[in-house]
């Protein structure tokens, strides 16, 4: 399994570097998506024009994301030119939204239910705080609060659902739709989802998550102590550029590696004889 994972990651990385034209287009689209998201949050909805601009930005960001995802699923298929790859992605990006519509509904419903669940401190701790004297005569060492296992379990489920289960299922459905078409992916959605949570897919996604999520996060939040304001600004710009580069390359390579791993699993399954199949004698 380790050999297959390593081969999938290295093959996806090599193919992406070879398709430098597609990589440049992906970078432009990714920067446009980030710009649309930033402009959406800083635009004040005071006039009709600004309201329409916010609406256009809210539509542009997910459309750009789906176009990027379609290109990420197809860049290592054959020897397509960059503009041909872009044209096909512009034509078929809407299919990726259709295939994950049930996952979006699940995410919305899960977010609503998690918001309804109370994760406050235990009642015993609250009563203890109320009974505490208001003006103690000497310093009182605070008692350690008991662990709220309900909060721990709920938080764990949230992270697993929103950071692992739903993204991994969505990526495999996107890859299948971009490569095989919407109708074919709908027919074998159960197989695609079963392959999504195979050990190889989970490990590849975990490795990619480090590059497209963890590393960019630390690059953004980590502050380099310097005495010069200009040097501090320059380091900030450099960290932001590296964060953008890692997030895009990590995401695209992870999608390509998952596609390679899925093709390998499908080839192995096809090579195995079906149960009960035997040699059919030739007719006399």
Protein backbone atom coordinates (compact mmCIF):
# COMPACT_ATOMS: atom_id res chain seq x y z
CA UNK A 1 0.00 0.00 0.00
CA UNK A 2 2.85 2.42 0.85
CA UNK A 3 4.37 1.87 -2.58
CA UNK A 4 1.06 2.62 -4.29
CA UNK A 5 0.59 5.79 -2.23
CA UNK A 6 4.09 7.04 -3.01
CA UNK A 7 3.67 6.24 -6.71
CA UNK A 8 0.33 8.06 -6.86
CA UNK A 9 1.71 11.21 -5.22
CA UNK A 10 4.87 11.34 -7.32
CA UNK A 11 3.00 10.63 -10.57
CA UNK A 12 0.45 13.37 -9.85
CA UNK A 13 3.24 15.84 -9.02
CA UNK A 14 5.20 15.05 -12.19
CA UNK A 15 2.13 15.38 -14.40
CA UNK A 16 1.26 18.74 -12.88
CA UNK A 17 4.77 20.11 -13.41
CA UNK A 18 4.75 18.89 -17.01
CA UNK A 19 1.45 20.67 -17.71
CA UNK A 20 2.89 24.08 -16.85
CA UNK A 21 0.26 25.84 -18.99
CA UNK A 22 -2.55 24.25 -17.01
CA UNK A 23 -0.69 25.10 -13.79
CA UNK A 24 -0.54 28.78 -14.76
CA UNK A 25 -4.27 28.81 -15.56
CA UNK A 26 -5.01 27.10 -12.25
CA UNK A 27 -2.97 29.73 -10.43
CA UNK A 28 -4.82 32.58 -12.15
CA UNK A 29 -8.21 31.03 -11.40
CA UNK A 30 -7.20 30.36 -7.80
CA UNK A 31 -6.06 33.94 -7.25
CA UNK A 32 -9.30 35.17 -8.84
CA UNK A 33 -11.29 32.96 -6.45
CA UNK A 34 -9.39 34.27 -3.43
CA UNK A 35 -9.86 37.82 -4.67
CA UNK A 36 -13.60 37.27 -5.08
CA UNK A 37 -13.86 35.88 -1.55
CA UNK A 38 -11.87 38.78 -0.10
CA UNK A 39 -13.85 41.39 -2.01
CA UNK A 40 -17.12 39.78 -0.91
CA UNK A 41 -16.25 40.19 2.76
CA UNK A 42 -14.92 43.75 2.48
CA UNK A 43 -17.73 45.07 0.27
CA UNK A 44 -20.33 46.96 2.27
CA UNK A 45 -23.92 46.44 1.19
CA UNK A 46 -24.92 50.10 1.29
CA UNK A 47 -26.05 50.74 -2.29
CA UNK A 48 -27.79 48.69 -4.95
CA UNK A 49 -24.58 48.44 -6.94
CA UNK A 50 -22.62 47.10 -3.99
CA UNK A 51 -25.41 44.61 -3.27
CA UNK A 52 -25.29 43.36 -6.86
CA UNK A 53 -21.50 43.17 -6.65
CA UNK A 54 -21.73 41.06 -3.49
CA UNK A 55 -24.20 38.76 -5.24
CA UNK A 56 -21.90 38.35 -8.26
CA UNK A 57 -18.92 37.66 -6.02
CA UNK A 58 -20.91 35.11 -4.03
CA UNK A 59 -21.67 33.29 -7.30
CA UNK A 60 -18.21 33.71 -8.81
CA UNK A 61 -16.25 32.13 -5.94
CA UNK A 62 -17.95 28.69 -6.02
CA UNK A 63 -18.00 28.65 -9.84
CA UNK A 64 -14.25 29.30 -9.95
CA UNK A 65 -13.71 26.61 -7.34
CA UNK A 66 -15.64 24.03 -9.38
CA UNK A 67 -13.73 24.97 -12.54
CA UNK A 68 -10.45 24.52 -10.66
CA UNK A 69 -11.62 21.17 -9.31
CA UNK A 70 -12.62 19.97 -12.78
CA UNK A 71 -9.22 20.89 -14.16
CA UNK A 72 -7.52 19.25 -11.16
CA UNK A 73 -9.35 16.00 -11.90
CA UNK A 74 -8.48 16.01 -15.62
CA UNK A 75 -4.99 17.47 -15.94
CA UNK A 76 -3.31 14.04 -15.73
CA UNK A 77 -5.64 12.37 -18.22
CA UNK A 78 -4.03 12.15 -21.65
CA UNK A 79 -2.08 14.98 -23.27
CA UNK A 80 -4.67 17.74 -23.36
CA UNK A 81 -3.60 21.28 -24.08
CA UNK A 82 -4.14 23.85 -21.37
CA UNK A 83 -6.84 25.78 -23.26
CA UNK A 84 -8.64 22.55 -24.20
CA UNK A 85 -8.60 21.54 -20.57
CA UNK A 86 -9.96 24.93 -19.54
CA UNK A 87 -12.70 24.82 -22.18
CA UNK A 88 -13.87 21.38 -21.07
CA UNK A 89 -13.87 22.51 -17.44
CA UNK A 90 -15.94 25.60 -18.27
CA UNK A 91 -18.44 23.34 -20.03
CA UNK A 92 -18.76 20.65 -17.36
CA UNK A 93 -18.14 22.35 -14.01
CA UNK A 94 -21.86 22.43 -13.15
CA UNK A 95 -21.93 18.63 -13.02
CA UNK A 96 -19.68 18.70 -9.98
CA UNK A 97 -22.25 20.80 -8.14
CA UNK A 98 -25.05 18.37 -9.01
CA UNK A 99 -23.15 15.29 -7.84
CA UNK A 100 -22.37 16.75 -4.39
CA UNK A 101 -25.75 18.37 -3.77
CA UNK A 102 -26.72 15.61 -1.27
CA UNK A 103 -23.43 16.15 0.58
CA UNK A 104 -24.11 19.88 0.78
CA UNK A 105 -27.54 19.17 2.29
CA UNK A 106 -25.95 16.79 4.80
CA UNK A 107 -23.38 19.45 5.75
CA UNK A 108 -26.07 22.10 6.24
CA UNK A 109 -28.24 19.76 8.30
CA UNK A 110 -25.27 18.63 10.39
CA UNK A 111 -24.24 22.23 11.06
CA UNK A 112 -27.79 23.05 12.16
CA UNK A 113 -27.96 20.05 14.49
CA UNK A 114 -24.54 20.73 16.00
CA UNK A 115 -25.59 24.31 16.63
CA UNK A 116 -28.62 23.10 18.55
CA UNK A 117 -26.61 20.84 20.84
CA UNK A 118 -25.61 22.57 24.03
CA UNK A 119 -21.95 22.25 24.97
CA UNK A 120 -21.99 24.32 28.14
CA UNK A 121 -20.14 23.42 31.33
CA UNK A 122 -21.58 20.68 33.56
CA UNK A 123 -24.26 21.72 36.02
CA UNK A 124 -22.10 20.71 39.00
CA UNK A 125 -19.36 23.11 37.95
CA UNK A 126 -21.86 25.93 37.56
CA UNK A 127 -23.32 25.29 41.05
CA UNK A 128 -19.82 25.24 42.51
CA UNK A 129 -19.04 28.60 40.93
CA UNK A 130 -22.26 30.12 42.31
CA UNK A 131 -21.55 28.89 45.84
CA UNK A 132 -18.02 30.31 45.84
CA UNK A 133 -17.51 33.36 48.12
CA UNK A 134 -17.52 36.71 46.37
CA UNK A 135 -14.69 38.25 48.38
CA UNK A 136 -12.32 35.60 49.72
CA UNK A 137 -9.99 36.63 52.51
CA UNK A 138 -7.11 34.62 51.07
CA UNK A 139 -6.21 33.35 47.62
CA UNK A 140 -8.16 30.24 46.75
CA UNK A 141 -6.70 27.74 44.33
CA UNK A 142 -9.34 27.09 41.67
CA UNK A 143 -10.51 23.53 41.49
CA UNK A 144 -9.88 21.74 38.20
CA UNK A 145 -12.99 21.61 36.08
CA UNK A 146 -14.23 18.15 35.10
CA UNK A 147 -13.81 17.16 31.48
CA UNK A 148 -17.01 17.51 29.48
CA UNK A 149 -16.91 14.30 27.47
CA UNK A 150 -20.02 15.37 25.62
CA UNK A 151 -18.14 18.38 24.21
CA UNK A 152 -15.13 16.21 23.34
CA UNK A 153 -17.26 13.68 21.46
CA UNK A 154 -19.24 16.35 19.61
CA UNK A 155 -16.10 18.25 18.61
CA UNK A 156 -14.45 15.04 17.40
CA UNK A 157 -17.48 14.14 15.30
CA UNK A 158 -17.55 17.63 13.81
CA UNK A 159 -13.91 17.51 12.77
CA UNK A 160 -14.23 14.02 11.31
CA UNK A 161 -17.38 14.92 9.40
CA UNK A 162 -16.35 18.31 8.01
CA UNK A 163 -12.61 17.74 7.59
CA UNK A 164 -12.48 14.08 6.52
CA UNK A 165 -15.72 12.31 5.62
CA UNK A 166 -17.52 14.94 3.53
CA UNK A 167 -14.40 16.34 1.74
CA UNK A 168 -13.08 12.87 0.90
CA UNK A 169 -16.45 11.74 -0.44
CA UNK A 170 -16.82 14.96 -2.44
CA UNK A 171 -13.35 14.70 -3.99
CA UNK A 172 -13.96 11.16 -5.24
CA UNK A 173 -17.38 12.08 -6.62
CA UNK A 174 -15.82 15.08 -8.38
CA UNK A 175 -13.04 12.97 -9.85
CA UNK A 176 -15.52 10.36 -11.11
CA UNK A 177 -17.82 13.00 -12.59
CA UNK A 178 -15.04 14.94 -14.29
CA UNK A 179 -13.50 11.83 -15.84
CA UNK A 180 -16.42 9.46 -16.47
CA UNK A 181 -19.42 11.77 -16.64
CA UNK A 182 -22.32 12.56 -14.35
CA UNK A 183 -24.60 9.69 -15.39
CA UNK A 184 -21.92 7.03 -15.03
CA UNK A 185 -20.85 8.32 -11.61
CA UNK A 186 -24.42 8.34 -10.37
CA UNK A 187 -24.82 4.71 -11.42
CA UNK A 188 -21.81 3.54 -9.44
CA UNK A 189 -21.85 6.12 -6.65
CA UNK A 190 -21.77 3.38 -4.00
CA UNK A 191 -18.54 2.01 -5.44
CA UNK A 192 -17.00 5.46 -5.64
CA UNK A 193 -17.86 6.19 -2.01
CA UNK A 194 -16.58 2.79 -0.89
CA UNK A 195 -13.29 3.49 -2.66
CA UNK A 196 -13.16 6.96 -1.08
CA UNK A 197 -12.76 5.52 2.40
CA UNK A 198 -10.29 2.79 1.52
CA UNK A 199 -7.06 2.98 3.56
CA UNK A 200 -5.02 4.23 0.58
CA UNK A 201 -7.40 7.10 -0.09
CA UNK A 202 -7.52 8.14 3.56
CA UNK A 203 -3.71 8.15 3.86
CA UNK A 204 -3.27 10.13 0.62
CA UNK A 205 -5.85 12.67 1.78
CA UNK A 206 -4.16 12.94 5.20
CA UNK A 207 -0.78 13.61 3.56
CA UNK A 208 -2.31 16.15 1.19
CA UNK A 209 -4.19 17.83 4.06
CA UNK A 210 -0.86 18.66 5.68
CA UNK A 211 0.25 20.53 2.54
CA UNK A 212 -2.96 22.26 1.44
CA UNK A 213 -4.31 23.10 4.91
CA UNK A 214 -1.87 22.72 7.82
CA UNK A 215 1.25 24.24 6.23
CA UNK A 216 -0.63 27.28 4.79
CA UNK A 217 -2.29 27.86 8.17
CA UNK A 218 1.03 28.03 10.01
CA UNK A 219 2.55 30.17 7.27
CA UNK A 220 -0.25 32.72 7.73
CA UNK A 221 -0.46 32.80 11.54
CA UNK A 222 3.27 32.52 12.29
CA UNK A 223 4.88 35.92 12.79
CA UNK A 224 8.61 36.33 12.20
CA UNK A 225 10.12 38.69 14.81
CA UNK A 226 11.98 41.49 12.98
CA UNK A 227 12.78 45.10 13.82
CA UNK A 228 12.15 46.64 10.41
CA UNK A 229 8.59 47.42 9.33
CA UNK A 230 9.49 47.01 5.64
CA UNK A 231 11.12 43.65 6.29
CA UNK A 232 8.09 42.56 8.30
CA UNK A 233 5.79 43.53 5.43
CA UNK A 234 8.01 41.71 2.94
CA UNK A 235 8.04 38.54 5.04
CA UNK A 236 4.26 38.74 5.39
CA UNK A 237 3.83 38.95 1.62
CA UNK A 238 6.26 36.05 1.15
CA UNK A 239 4.39 33.91 3.69
CA UNK A 240 1.05 34.69 2.02
CA UNK A 241 2.41 33.77 -1.41
CA UNK A 242 3.85 30.52 -0.07
CA UNK A 243 0.54 29.75 1.65
CA UNK A 244 -1.34 30.27 -1.63
CA UNK A 245 1.18 28.12 -3.51
CA UNK A 246 1.09 25.28 -0.99
CA UNK A 247 -2.71 25.29 -0.77
CA UNK A 248 -3.19 25.16 -4.55
CA UNK A 249 -0.45 22.64 -5.34
CA UNK A 250 -1.34 20.47 -2.36
CA UNK A 251 -5.02 20.38 -3.32
CA UNK A 252 -4.42 19.65 -7.02
CA UNK A 253 -1.76 17.00 -6.39
CA UNK A 254 -3.95 15.34 -3.75
CA UNK A 255 -6.83 15.13 -6.22
CA UNK A 256 -4.56 13.72 -8.90
CA UNK A 257 -3.07 11.16 -6.51
CA UNK A 258 -6.52 10.05 -5.38
CA UNK A 259 -7.44 9.61 -9.04
CA UNK A 260 -4.37 7.45 -9.64
CA UNK A 261 -5.14 5.38 -6.53
CA UNK A 262 -8.73 4.92 -7.68
CA UNK A 263 -7.59 3.76 -11.12
CA UNK A 264 -5.23 1.25 -9.50
CA UNK A 265 -7.99 -0.10 -7.28
CA UNK A 266 -10.35 -0.36 -10.23
CA UNK A 267 -7.75 -2.21 -12.28
CA UNK A 268 -7.16 -4.69 -9.47
CA UNK A 269 -10.89 -5.26 -9.05
CA UNK A 270 -11.34 -5.81 -12.76
CA UNK A 271 -8.45 -8.26 -12.88
CA UNK A 272 -9.92 -10.42 -10.13
CA UNK A 273 -12.34 -13.08 -11.45
CA UNK A 274 -15.89 -12.82 -10.26
CA UNK A 275 -17.02 -15.26 -7.62
CA UNK A 276 -18.39 -18.49 -9.06
CA UNK A 277 -16.94 -17.86 -12.50
CA UNK A 278 -15.29 -20.84 -14.09
CA UNK A 279 -14.09 -22.14 -17.39
CA UNK A 280 -16.79 -22.41 -20.00
CA UNK A 281 -16.25 -25.43 -22.24
CA UNK A 282 -16.37 -24.86 -25.94
CA UNK A 283 -19.37 -26.20 -27.77
CA UNK A 284 -18.83 -29.23 -29.94
